[in-house]
Amino acid sequence: MIKKIEIESYLNVAFVGLSKLYPLSPEAKDEIRRIAKPVVLKKGDKIVEIGDVLNGIYFMVKGLGRSYTYRGQSEITSWIIQEGEPFGNYRSYTTGVPSRECTEIIEPGLAFYLSKAELVQIYLKHTCVAAFIIILNERNFVKMDDHINNILYNDYETRYQIFISQYPNLVNRLKLRDIASYLNMTPETLSRVRKALK
């Protein structure tokens, strides 16, 4: 069980990270503190299942996760979730439709859950929060666009080299199959690529 003082400490760390994207006023931070619900994450937890409708969003403070769907029996990883990132399923969160993906925890840790209804009230009241959400969404759009372009236009070696340059700290934290799935290749192909690059 995580103690209240630890939760407050994690929230403060989260605010430091958030403020690097856009400064938040003390009043906005207080309102976010009020609605942020801590969620202890265990390895293997499925935070979102296919078919879930999201009424809120999570923010990863400590831990690691991934979003994925299925193609036949194979899992296709679409997003790697690190500390300092929101997660859930944006499509479901934004439109209210059922999620097409699962979100699974790879490393245990802590997240905060923010209800959409409460979050909307905060960013209607505090323009700094609205600006922060816009910048965060733009950053995630660029990240997804870069990932799609990497998959569509680069060979296997280039895909992996881009991945390790962007996420050097994730290479040893993720399973080979998850990296391969994220890069749209088989684990066997990724093994060959890694050997060739040594």
C-alpha atoms as a PDB file:
ATOM      1  CA  MET A   1       0.000   0.000   0.000  1.00  0.00           C
ATOM      2  CA  ILE A   2       1.341   3.428  -0.933  1.00  0.00           C
ATOM      3  CA  LYS A   3       1.175   5.971   1.899  1.00  0.00           C
ATOM      4  CA  LYS A   4      -0.458   9.390   1.539  1.00  0.00           C
ATOM      5  CA  ILE A   5       2.899  11.176   1.911  1.00  0.00           C
ATOM      6  CA  GLU A   6       4.353   9.050  -0.918  1.00  0.00           C
ATOM      7  CA  ILE A   7       1.354   9.853  -3.139  1.00  0.00           C
ATOM      8  CA  GLU A   8       1.874  13.573  -2.502  1.00  0.00           C
ATOM      9  CA  SER A   9       5.568  13.178  -3.317  1.00  0.00           C
ATOM     10  CA  TYR A  10       4.717  11.393  -6.602  1.00  0.00           C
ATOM     11  CA  LEU A  11       2.215  14.133  -7.462  1.00  0.00           C
ATOM     12  CA  ASN A  12       4.904  16.769  -6.915  1.00  0.00           C
ATOM     13  CA  VAL A  13       7.265  14.844  -9.217  1.00  0.00           C
ATOM     14  CA  ALA A  14       4.469  14.642 -11.807  1.00  0.00           C
ATOM     15  CA  PHE A  15       3.922  18.414 -11.623  1.00  0.00           C
ATOM     16  CA  VAL A  16       7.635  19.053 -12.194  1.00  0.00           C
ATOM     17  CA  GLY A  17       7.439  16.899 -15.341  1.00  0.00           C
ATOM     18  CA  LEU A  18       4.204  18.521 -16.500  1.00  0.00           C
ATOM     19  CA  SER A  19       5.612  22.016 -16.011  1.00  0.00           C
ATOM     20  CA  LYS A  20       8.402  21.253 -18.480  1.00  0.00           C
ATOM     21  CA  LEU A  21       5.728  21.160 -21.193  1.00  0.00           C
ATOM     22  CA  TYR A  22       3.787  24.179 -19.972  1.00  0.00           C
ATOM     23  CA  PRO A  23       3.747  25.996 -16.597  1.00  0.00           C
ATOM     24  CA  LEU A  24       0.709  25.336 -14.434  1.00  0.00           C
ATOM     25  CA  SER A  25      -0.568  27.873 -11.917  1.00  0.00           C
ATOM     26  CA  PRO A  26      -0.636  26.933  -8.204  1.00  0.00           C
ATOM     27  CA  GLU A  27      -4.462  27.096  -8.312  1.00  0.00           C
ATOM     28  CA  ALA A  28      -4.620  24.701 -11.267  1.00  0.00           C
ATOM     29  CA  LYS A  29      -2.233  22.302  -9.502  1.00  0.00           C
ATOM     30  CA  ASP A  30      -4.453  22.371  -6.400  1.00  0.00           C
ATOM     31  CA  GLU A  31      -7.518  21.496  -8.488  1.00  0.00           C
ATOM     32  CA  ILE A  32      -5.693  18.662 -10.248  1.00  0.00           C
ATOM     33  CA  ARG A  33      -4.521  17.384  -6.846  1.00  0.00           C
ATOM     34  CA  ARG A  34      -8.146  17.367  -5.711  1.00  0.00           C
ATOM     35  CA  ILE A  35      -9.354  15.139  -8.588  1.00  0.00           C
ATOM     36  CA  ALA A  36      -6.263  12.930  -9.099  1.00  0.00           C
ATOM     37  CA  LYS A  37      -7.002   9.407  -7.869  1.00  0.00           C
ATOM     38  CA  PRO A  38      -3.901   7.257  -7.229  1.00  0.00           C
ATOM     39  CA  VAL A  39      -3.906   3.836  -8.901  1.00  0.00           C
ATOM     40  CA  VAL A  40      -1.341   1.253  -7.793  1.00  0.00           C
ATOM     41  CA  LEU A  41      -0.144  -0.637 -10.866  1.00  0.00           C
ATOM     42  CA  LYS A  42       0.844  -4.306 -10.755  1.00  0.00           C
ATOM     43  CA  LYS A  43       2.699  -6.119 -13.495  1.00  0.00           C
ATOM     44  CA  GLY A  44       0.184  -7.755 -15.823  1.00  0.00           C
ATOM     45  CA  ASP A  45      -2.718  -5.464 -14.843  1.00  0.00           C
ATOM     46  CA  LYS A  46      -5.017  -4.703 -17.770  1.00  0.00           C
ATOM     47  CA  ILE A  47      -5.960  -1.078 -17.241  1.00  0.00           C
ATOM     48  CA  VAL A  48      -8.018  -0.964 -20.434  1.00  0.00           C
ATOM     49  CA  GLU A  49      -9.630  -3.937 -22.198  1.00  0.00           C
ATOM     50  CA  ILE A  50     -10.923  -4.073 -25.754  1.00  0.00           C
ATOM     51  CA  GLY A  51     -14.529  -2.831 -25.598  1.00  0.00           C
ATOM     52  CA  ASP A  52     -14.054  -0.560 -22.564  1.00  0.00           C
ATOM     53  CA  VAL A  53     -15.376   2.995 -22.809  1.00  0.00           C
ATOM     54  CA  LEU A  54     -13.070   5.463 -21.075  1.00  0.00           C
ATOM     55  CA  ASN A  55     -14.506   8.248 -18.948  1.00  0.00           C
ATOM     56  CA  GLY A  56     -11.094   9.430 -17.830  1.00  0.00           C
ATOM     57  CA  ILE A  57      -7.388   9.299 -18.526  1.00  0.00           C
ATOM     58  CA  TYR A  58      -4.418   7.921 -16.592  1.00  0.00           C
ATOM     59  CA  PHE A  59      -1.058   9.576 -16.045  1.00  0.00           C
ATOM     60  CA  MET A  60       1.985   7.308 -15.504  1.00  0.00           C
ATOM     61  CA  VAL A  61       4.167   8.491 -12.644  1.00  0.00           C
ATOM     62  CA  LYS A  62       6.168   5.321 -12.052  1.00  0.00           C
ATOM     63  CA  GLY A  63       6.192   2.147 -14.131  1.00  0.00           C
ATOM     64  CA  LEU A  64       5.919   1.067 -17.736  1.00  0.00           C
ATOM     65  CA  GLY A  65       3.050  -0.099 -19.918  1.00  0.00           C
ATOM     66  CA  ARG A  66       1.978  -0.739 -23.473  1.00  0.00           C
ATOM     67  CA  SER A  67      -1.161  -0.500 -25.584  1.00  0.00           C
ATOM     68  CA  TYR A  68      -1.848  -3.287 -28.058  1.00  0.00           C
ATOM     69  CA  THR A  69      -4.477  -5.014 -30.145  1.00  0.00           C
ATOM     70  CA  TYR A  70      -4.659  -8.355 -31.938  1.00  0.00           C
ATOM     71  CA  ARG A  71      -4.071  -9.399 -35.520  1.00  0.00           C
ATOM     72  CA  GLY A  72      -5.207 -13.009 -35.516  1.00  0.00           C
ATOM     73  CA  GLN A  73      -3.401 -14.571 -32.555  1.00  0.00           C
ATOM     74  CA  SER A  74      -0.571 -11.999 -32.611  1.00  0.00           C
ATOM     75  CA  GLU A  75      -0.402  -8.947 -30.377  1.00  0.00           C
ATOM     76  CA  ILE A  76       0.406  -5.666 -32.139  1.00  0.00           C
ATOM     77  CA  THR A  77       1.898  -3.037 -29.815  1.00  0.00           C
ATOM     78  CA  SER A  78       0.913   0.489 -30.832  1.00  0.00           C
ATOM     79  CA  TRP A  79       2.162   2.581 -27.924  1.00  0.00           C
ATOM     80  CA  ILE A  80       4.794   2.307 -25.195  1.00  0.00           C
ATOM     81  CA  ILE A  81       3.846   4.143 -21.993  1.00  0.00           C
ATOM     82  CA  GLN A  82       6.659   5.588 -19.896  1.00  0.00           C
ATOM     83  CA  GLU A  83       6.838   7.726 -16.780  1.00  0.00           C
ATOM     84  CA  GLY A  84       5.452  11.195 -17.396  1.00  0.00           C
ATOM     85  CA  GLU A  85       2.926  10.169 -20.054  1.00  0.00           C
ATOM     86  CA  PRO A  86      -0.869  10.021 -20.150  1.00  0.00           C
ATOM     87  CA  PHE A  87      -2.409   6.715 -21.167  1.00  0.00           C
ATOM     88  CA  GLY A  88      -5.661   4.925 -21.755  1.00  0.00           C
ATOM     89  CA  ASN A  89      -7.267   4.947 -25.158  1.00  0.00           C
ATOM     90  CA  TYR A  90      -7.509   8.426 -26.700  1.00  0.00           C
ATOM     91  CA  ARG A  91     -10.101   7.394 -29.255  1.00  0.00           C
ATOM     92  CA  SER A  92     -12.442   6.067 -26.587  1.00  0.00           C
ATOM     93  CA  TYR A  93     -11.686   8.950 -24.193  1.00  0.00           C
ATOM     94  CA  THR A  94     -12.341  11.564 -26.894  1.00  0.00           C
ATOM     95  CA  THR A  95     -15.338  10.068 -28.709  1.00  0.00           C
ATOM     96  CA  GLY A  96     -16.964   7.755 -26.150  1.00  0.00           C
ATOM     97  CA  VAL A  97     -16.700   4.689 -28.409  1.00  0.00           C
ATOM     98  CA  PRO A  98     -15.398   1.319 -27.146  1.00  0.00           C
ATOM     99  CA  SER A  99     -11.625   0.904 -27.108  1.00  0.00           C
ATOM    100  CA  ARG A 100     -10.037  -1.169 -29.871  1.00  0.00           C
ATOM    101  CA  GLU A 101      -6.951  -1.780 -27.729  1.00  0.00           C
ATOM    102  CA  CYS A 102      -5.799  -3.148 -24.389  1.00  0.00           C
ATOM    103  CA  THR A 103      -3.449  -1.306 -22.052  1.00  0.00           C
ATOM    104  CA  GLU A 104      -1.255  -3.590 -19.963  1.00  0.00           C
ATOM    105  CA  ILE A 105       1.247  -2.799 -17.217  1.00  0.00           C
ATOM    106  CA  ILE A 106       4.751  -4.164 -17.863  1.00  0.00           C
ATOM    107  CA  GLU A 107       6.492  -2.762 -14.766  1.00  0.00           C
ATOM    108  CA  PRO A 108       4.684  -2.109 -11.477  1.00  0.00           C
ATOM    109  CA  GLY A 109       4.295   1.442 -10.268  1.00  0.00           C
ATOM    110  CA  LEU A 110       1.789   4.222  -9.762  1.00  0.00           C
ATOM    111  CA  ALA A 111      -0.539   6.246 -11.967  1.00  0.00           C
ATOM    112  CA  PHE A 112      -3.124   8.927 -11.352  1.00  0.00           C
ATOM    113  CA  TYR A 113      -6.606   8.697 -12.821  1.00  0.00           C
ATOM    114  CA  LEU A 114      -8.356  11.906 -13.885  1.00  0.00           C
ATOM    115  CA  SER A 115     -12.048  11.823 -14.706  1.00  0.00           C
ATOM    116  CA  LYS A 116     -12.894  13.521 -17.995  1.00  0.00           C
ATOM    117  CA  ALA A 117     -15.852  15.444 -16.562  1.00  0.00           C
ATOM    118  CA  GLU A 118     -13.748  16.884 -13.723  1.00  0.00           C
ATOM    119  CA  LEU A 119     -10.751  17.559 -15.971  1.00  0.00           C
ATOM    120  CA  VAL A 120     -12.908  19.454 -18.481  1.00  0.00           C
ATOM    121  CA  GLN A 121     -14.190  21.693 -15.665  1.00  0.00           C
ATOM    122  CA  ILE A 122     -10.609  22.463 -14.640  1.00  0.00           C
ATOM    123  CA  TYR A 123      -9.404  23.387 -18.099  1.00  0.00           C
ATOM    124  CA  LEU A 124     -12.480  25.542 -18.733  1.00  0.00           C
ATOM    125  CA  LYS A 125     -11.533  27.428 -15.577  1.00  0.00           C
ATOM    126  CA  HIS A 126      -7.729  27.475 -15.963  1.00  0.00           C
ATOM    127  CA  THR A 127      -6.364  28.368 -19.397  1.00  0.00           C
ATOM    128  CA  CYS A 128      -2.912  27.063 -18.416  1.00  0.00           C
ATOM    129  CA  VAL A 129      -4.400  23.541 -18.145  1.00  0.00           C
ATOM    130  CA  ALA A 130      -6.159  23.902 -21.519  1.00  0.00           C
ATOM    131  CA  ALA A 131      -2.867  25.073 -23.080  1.00  0.00           C
ATOM    132  CA  PHE A 132      -1.044  22.172 -21.460  1.00  0.00           C
ATOM    133  CA  ILE A 133      -3.566  19.650 -22.877  1.00  0.00           C
ATOM    134  CA  ILE A 134      -3.172  21.143 -26.372  1.00  0.00           C
ATOM    135  CA  ILE A 135       0.643  20.940 -26.207  1.00  0.00           C
ATOM    136  CA  LEU A 136       0.510  17.388 -24.836  1.00  0.00           C
ATOM    137  CA  ASN A 137      -1.860  16.273 -27.599  1.00  0.00           C
ATOM    138  CA  GLU A 138       0.340  17.915 -30.237  1.00  0.00           C
ATOM    139  CA  ARG A 139       3.409  16.142 -28.833  1.00  0.00           C
ATOM    140  CA  ASN A 140       1.638  12.787 -28.855  1.00  0.00           C
ATOM    141  CA  PHE A 141       0.355  13.373 -32.401  1.00  0.00           C
ATOM    142  CA  VAL A 142       3.918  14.025 -33.598  1.00  0.00           C
ATOM    143  CA  LYS A 143       5.166  10.961 -31.715  1.00  0.00           C
ATOM    144  CA  MET A 144       2.523   8.752 -33.353  1.00  0.00           C
ATOM    145  CA  ASP A 145       3.150  10.294 -36.773  1.00  0.00           C
ATOM    146  CA  ASP A 146       6.904   9.641 -36.426  1.00  0.00           C
ATOM    147  CA  HIS A 147       6.203   6.048 -35.384  1.00  0.00           C
ATOM    148  CA  ILE A 148       3.873   5.413 -38.346  1.00  0.00           C
ATOM    149  CA  ASN A 149       6.409   6.908 -40.759  1.00  0.00           C
ATOM    150  CA  ASN A 150       9.173   4.790 -39.256  1.00  0.00           C
ATOM    151  CA  ILE A 151       7.110   1.633 -39.830  1.00  0.00           C
ATOM    152  CA  LEU A 152       5.973   2.571 -43.347  1.00  0.00           C
ATOM    153  CA  TYR A 153       9.161   3.919 -44.870  1.00  0.00           C
ATOM    154  CA  ASN A 154      12.172   2.375 -43.128  1.00  0.00           C
ATOM    155  CA  ASP A 155      13.833  -1.008 -43.320  1.00  0.00           C
ATOM    156  CA  TYR A 156      14.101  -3.200 -40.205  1.00  0.00           C
ATOM    157  CA  GLU A 157      17.564  -1.994 -39.177  1.00  0.00           C
ATOM    158  CA  THR A 158      16.615   1.675 -39.470  1.00  0.00           C
ATOM    159  CA  ARG A 159      13.410   1.105 -37.485  1.00  0.00           C
ATOM    160  CA  TYR A 160      15.372  -0.437 -34.634  1.00  0.00           C
ATOM    161  CA  GLN A 161      18.101   2.228 -34.737  1.00  0.00           C
ATOM    162  CA  ILE A 162      15.470   4.973 -34.519  1.00  0.00           C
ATOM    163  CA  PHE A 163      13.789   3.152 -31.625  1.00  0.00           C
ATOM    164  CA  ILE A 164      17.016   2.852 -29.594  1.00  0.00           C
ATOM    165  CA  SER A 165      17.956   6.470 -30.306  1.00  0.00           C
ATOM    166  CA  GLN A 166      14.525   7.671 -29.133  1.00  0.00           C
ATOM    167  CA  TYR A 167      14.149   5.254 -26.212  1.00  0.00           C
ATOM    168  CA  PRO A 168      17.616   4.110 -25.052  1.00  0.00           C
ATOM    169  CA  ASN A 169      16.304   3.415 -21.542  1.00  0.00           C
ATOM    170  CA  LEU A 170      13.558   1.072 -22.811  1.00  0.00           C
ATOM    171  CA  VAL A 171      15.699  -1.477 -24.644  1.00  0.00           C
ATOM    172  CA  ASN A 172      16.386  -3.436 -21.447  1.00  0.00           C
ATOM    173  CA  ARG A 173      12.984  -2.820 -19.869  1.00  0.00           C
ATOM    174  CA  LEU A 174      10.831  -4.300 -22.649  1.00  0.00           C
ATOM    175  CA  LYS A 175      10.542  -7.872 -23.849  1.00  0.00           C
ATOM    176  CA  LEU A 176      12.012  -8.577 -27.276  1.00  0.00           C
ATOM    177  CA  ARG A 177       8.545  -9.565 -28.556  1.00  0.00           C
ATOM    178  CA  ASP A 178       7.074  -6.205 -27.449  1.00  0.00           C
ATOM    179  CA  ILE A 179       9.798  -4.191 -29.196  1.00  0.00           C
ATOM    180  CA  ALA A 180       9.436  -6.354 -32.324  1.00  0.00           C
ATOM    181  CA  SER A 181       5.657  -5.925 -32.282  1.00  0.00           C
ATOM    182  CA  TYR A 182       5.991  -2.151 -31.854  1.00  0.00           C
ATOM    183  CA  LEU A 183       8.369  -2.046 -34.837  1.00  0.00           C
ATOM    184  CA  ASN A 184       6.116  -4.301 -36.963  1.00  0.00           C
ATOM    185  CA  MET A 185       8.526  -7.224 -37.264  1.00  0.00           C
ATOM    186  CA  THR A 186       8.827 -10.723 -35.854  1.00  0.00           C
ATOM    187  CA  PRO A 187      11.000 -11.389 -32.783  1.00  0.00           C
ATOM    188  CA  GLU A 188      13.230 -13.554 -35.016  1.00  0.00           C
ATOM    189  CA  THR A 189      13.770 -10.636 -37.416  1.00  0.00           C
ATOM    190  CA  LEU A 190      14.558  -8.310 -34.517  1.00  0.00           C
ATOM    191  CA  SER A 191      17.095 -10.823 -33.144  1.00  0.00           C
ATOM    192  CA  ARG A 192      18.844 -10.880 -36.520  1.00  0.00           C
ATOM    193  CA  VAL A 193      18.823  -7.079 -36.706  1.00  0.00           C
ATOM    194  CA  ARG A 194      20.344  -6.781 -33.220  1.00  0.00           C
ATOM    195  CA  LYS A 195      23.090  -9.280 -34.057  1.00  0.00           C
ATOM    196  CA  ALA A 196      23.882  -7.474 -37.301  1.00  0.00           C
ATOM    197  CA  LEU A 197      24.222  -4.146 -35.476  1.00  0.00           C
ATOM    198  CA  LYS A 198      26.611  -5.449 -32.784  1.00  0.00           C
END
